[in-house]
Amino acid sequence: MNEAHTTFLASDEWQELLRDMVFPFAFGERMPADLGDDVVEIGPGPGRTTDLLRSQLARVTAVELDPGLAGALAERLAGTNVEVHEADATAMPFDDGRFTGAVSFTMLHHVPAERQDALFAEVLRVLRPGGLFVANDSVPSDELAAFHDDDIYAPIEADGLADRLAAIGFTDVSVWSNEFAWAAHARRP
């Protein structure tokens, strides 16, 4: 991520937006506790999503590709209910069926388009049968494209996402959107 983006994602303003708007929209009527007691978070960045999740979940395993962000998050959350792994979410170092739930908030647009389905397939692999995947991201816009200057920006369209997740093997897929964002829930059969 570029420096302006990283700074914003580490801000109190972003955490308030997550708490007040992003999480309620993404979880819908489900609560984070519906994810079970062993949840993997894909792409926590500076960890503002992780902070909110760890207050509501028994155990969170955060998977972050960026070594600097992963190291800082691991150091900051040492001794808590969060374990941080520096890893590529398209090839996670976990056993099949390890997690009761999986989440990804506002980061999938940082995954190159040609690797997004591989990430979804890997999430499916590490979920237990019946495990819930909750994903959320922004809808494409010129403003967001400009904010991602010198950065990967491969937004996912809400239309067609349910079919993509179902083709990978998820069931009970639902996707909804508004003018700013989309959210999806899907289960491992």
Protein backbone atom coordinates (compact mmCIF):
# COMPACT_ATOMS: atom_id res chain seq x y z
CA MET A 1 0.00 0.00 0.00
CA ASN A 2 1.12 3.55 -0.54
CA GLU A 3 2.02 5.69 2.48
CA ALA A 4 -1.17 7.78 2.51
CA HIS A 5 -3.27 4.63 2.41
CA THR A 6 -1.33 2.96 5.23
CA THR A 7 -1.56 6.09 7.37
CA PHE A 8 -5.33 6.31 6.91
CA LEU A 9 -5.82 2.61 7.71
CA ALA A 10 -3.93 3.08 10.98
CA SER A 11 -6.03 6.09 12.03
CA ASP A 12 -8.67 6.43 14.73
CA GLU A 13 -10.99 7.83 12.05
CA TRP A 14 -10.75 4.55 10.11
CA GLN A 15 -11.42 2.48 13.20
CA GLU A 16 -14.54 4.55 13.92
CA LEU A 17 -15.75 4.00 10.34
CA LEU A 18 -15.12 0.28 10.71
CA ARG A 19 -16.99 0.09 13.99
CA ASP A 20 -19.91 2.31 13.04
CA MET A 21 -20.41 1.55 9.35
CA VAL A 22 -18.28 -1.22 7.85
CA PHE A 23 -18.80 -3.95 10.45
CA PRO A 24 -22.59 -3.46 10.78
CA PHE A 25 -22.94 -3.47 6.99
CA ALA A 26 -20.69 -6.51 6.48
CA PHE A 27 -22.06 -8.63 9.30
CA GLY A 28 -25.68 -7.74 8.67
CA GLU A 29 -27.80 -9.55 11.22
CA ARG A 30 -25.00 -11.97 12.01
CA MET A 31 -22.70 -11.11 14.85
CA PRO A 32 -18.94 -11.71 14.77
CA ALA A 33 -19.56 -14.50 17.29
CA ASP A 34 -21.33 -16.42 14.48
CA LEU A 35 -17.83 -17.00 13.14
CA GLY A 36 -17.00 -19.44 15.95
CA ASP A 37 -13.99 -19.49 18.23
CA ASP A 38 -11.02 -19.74 15.84
CA VAL A 39 -11.14 -17.12 13.07
CA VAL A 40 -8.65 -16.24 10.35
CA GLU A 41 -8.48 -12.61 9.24
CA ILE A 42 -7.12 -12.06 5.74
CA GLY A 43 -5.14 -8.85 5.22
CA PRO A 44 -5.38 -6.92 8.49
CA GLY A 45 -2.91 -4.22 7.40
CA PRO A 46 -2.20 -2.03 10.46
CA GLY A 47 -4.76 -4.05 12.44
CA ARG A 48 -7.67 -1.73 13.12
CA THR A 49 -10.07 -4.48 12.01
CA THR A 50 -8.14 -6.92 14.17
CA ASP A 51 -8.63 -4.70 17.21
CA LEU A 52 -12.39 -4.77 16.75
CA LEU A 53 -12.51 -8.49 16.02
CA ARG A 54 -10.33 -9.55 18.95
CA SER A 55 -12.65 -7.84 21.41
CA GLN A 56 -15.53 -10.06 20.20
CA LEU A 57 -13.85 -13.34 19.30
CA ALA A 58 -11.99 -15.96 21.34
CA ARG A 59 -9.07 -16.31 18.91
CA VAL A 60 -7.99 -14.46 15.78
CA THR A 61 -5.22 -15.50 13.42
CA ALA A 62 -4.20 -12.58 11.20
CA VAL A 63 -2.56 -13.30 7.85
CA GLU A 64 -0.65 -10.32 6.44
CA LEU A 65 1.56 -10.36 3.34
CA ASP A 66 3.50 -7.15 4.06
CA PRO A 67 6.48 -7.96 6.34
CA GLY A 68 6.54 -4.52 7.98
CA LEU A 69 2.83 -4.51 8.74
CA ALA A 70 2.88 -8.12 9.95
CA GLY A 71 5.84 -7.48 12.23
CA ALA A 72 4.38 -4.32 13.73
CA LEU A 73 1.01 -6.00 14.30
CA ALA A 74 2.61 -9.07 15.89
CA GLU A 75 4.63 -6.87 18.22
CA ARG A 76 1.66 -4.68 19.16
CA LEU A 77 -0.65 -7.65 19.85
CA ALA A 78 1.86 -9.97 21.52
CA GLY A 79 0.30 -11.71 24.51
CA THR A 80 -3.28 -11.22 23.29
CA ASN A 81 -5.77 -13.57 21.65
CA VAL A 82 -4.28 -12.70 18.24
CA GLU A 83 -1.59 -14.64 16.40
CA VAL A 84 -0.07 -12.89 13.39
CA HIS A 85 1.42 -14.74 10.42
CA GLU A 86 3.38 -13.10 7.63
CA ALA A 87 2.04 -15.13 4.74
CA ASP A 88 0.43 -15.04 1.32
CA ALA A 89 -3.31 -15.64 1.71
CA THR A 90 -3.32 -17.62 -1.55
CA ALA A 91 -1.06 -20.24 0.11
CA MET A 92 -1.68 -20.15 3.86
CA PRO A 93 0.47 -22.26 6.19
CA PHE A 94 -2.47 -23.93 7.92
CA ASP A 95 -4.07 -27.37 7.85
CA ASP A 96 -7.26 -28.00 5.90
CA GLY A 97 -10.33 -27.21 7.99
CA ARG A 98 -8.42 -25.38 10.72
CA PHE A 99 -10.72 -22.35 11.21
CA THR A 100 -14.34 -21.94 12.31
CA GLY A 101 -14.64 -18.67 10.40
CA ALA A 102 -12.81 -16.31 8.06
CA VAL A 103 -13.04 -12.57 7.42
CA SER A 104 -11.62 -10.03 5.02
CA PHE A 105 -12.44 -6.34 5.26
CA THR A 106 -11.71 -3.70 2.62
CA MET A 107 -8.54 -5.34 1.30
CA LEU A 108 -9.47 -7.70 -1.51
CA HIS A 109 -8.92 -4.90 -4.04
CA HIS A 110 -5.21 -5.14 -3.15
CA VAL A 111 -5.09 -8.69 -4.54
CA PRO A 112 -4.29 -8.83 -8.26
CA ALA A 113 -7.39 -9.86 -10.20
CA GLU A 114 -5.75 -13.06 -11.47
CA ARG A 115 -5.11 -14.21 -7.84
CA GLN A 116 -8.44 -13.34 -6.24
CA ASP A 117 -10.11 -16.69 -6.94
CA ALA A 118 -7.01 -18.48 -5.60
CA LEU A 119 -7.42 -16.52 -2.37
CA PHE A 120 -11.11 -17.49 -2.16
CA ALA A 121 -10.20 -21.15 -2.77
CA GLU A 122 -7.58 -21.01 -0.04
CA VAL A 123 -10.09 -19.53 2.41
CA LEU A 124 -12.45 -22.39 1.55
CA ARG A 125 -9.64 -24.91 2.18
CA VAL A 126 -8.77 -23.63 5.67
CA LEU A 127 -12.39 -23.37 6.83
CA ARG A 128 -14.03 -26.21 8.72
CA PRO A 129 -17.21 -27.68 7.24
CA GLY A 130 -19.97 -25.18 7.97
CA GLY A 131 -17.44 -22.39 8.53
CA LEU A 132 -18.58 -18.89 7.62
CA PHE A 133 -16.63 -16.50 5.38
CA VAL A 134 -17.52 -12.80 5.73
CA ALA A 135 -15.97 -10.49 3.14
CA ASN A 136 -16.38 -6.79 2.48
CA ASP A 137 -14.85 -4.28 0.13
CA SER A 138 -15.51 -0.96 -1.56
CA VAL A 139 -17.24 -0.69 -4.90
CA PRO A 140 -15.01 0.56 -7.72
CA SER A 141 -14.69 4.32 -8.10
CA ASP A 142 -12.40 6.86 -9.73
CA GLU A 143 -11.77 8.41 -6.30
CA LEU A 144 -10.55 5.11 -4.85
CA ALA A 145 -8.45 4.44 -7.93
CA ALA A 146 -6.71 7.79 -7.39
CA PHE A 147 -6.20 6.99 -3.68
CA HIS A 148 -4.38 3.82 -4.76
CA ASP A 149 -1.79 5.71 -6.81
CA ASP A 150 1.35 3.56 -7.13
CA ASP A 151 -0.53 0.69 -5.48
CA ILE A 152 -2.45 -2.40 -6.55
CA TYR A 153 -6.09 -1.58 -7.21
CA ALA A 154 -8.14 -4.48 -8.58
CA PRO A 155 -11.68 -3.91 -7.29
CA ILE A 156 -14.20 -6.72 -7.25
CA GLU A 157 -17.65 -6.06 -8.66
CA ALA A 158 -20.54 -7.24 -6.49
CA ASP A 159 -22.35 -8.50 -9.59
CA GLY A 160 -20.99 -11.94 -10.34
CA LEU A 161 -19.27 -12.42 -6.97
CA ALA A 162 -21.86 -14.93 -5.75
CA ASP A 163 -21.29 -17.03 -8.87
CA ARG A 164 -17.52 -16.85 -8.41
CA LEU A 165 -17.74 -18.01 -4.79
CA ALA A 166 -20.19 -20.79 -5.65
CA ALA A 167 -17.96 -22.00 -8.51
CA ILE A 168 -15.08 -22.30 -6.05
CA GLY A 169 -17.22 -24.47 -3.79
CA PHE A 170 -18.86 -22.18 -1.25
CA THR A 171 -22.54 -22.68 -0.42
CA ASP A 172 -25.23 -20.43 1.08
CA VAL A 173 -23.64 -17.49 -0.72
CA SER A 174 -25.24 -14.09 -0.36
CA VAL A 175 -23.91 -10.77 -1.65
CA TRP A 176 -25.36 -7.31 -1.14
CA SER A 177 -24.16 -3.83 -1.91
CA ASN A 178 -24.86 -0.13 -1.63
CA GLU A 179 -23.31 2.86 -3.39
CA PHE A 180 -20.09 2.54 -1.35
CA ALA A 181 -19.43 -1.12 -0.62
CA TRP A 182 -20.42 -4.74 -1.01
CA ALA A 183 -20.48 -7.57 1.50
CA ALA A 184 -20.67 -11.33 1.12
CA HIS A 185 -21.37 -14.30 3.36
CA ALA A 186 -20.53 -17.82 2.22
CA ARG A 187 -20.09 -21.19 3.92
CA ARG A 188 -17.87 -24.16 3.41
CA PRO A 189 -20.13 -27.16 2.79
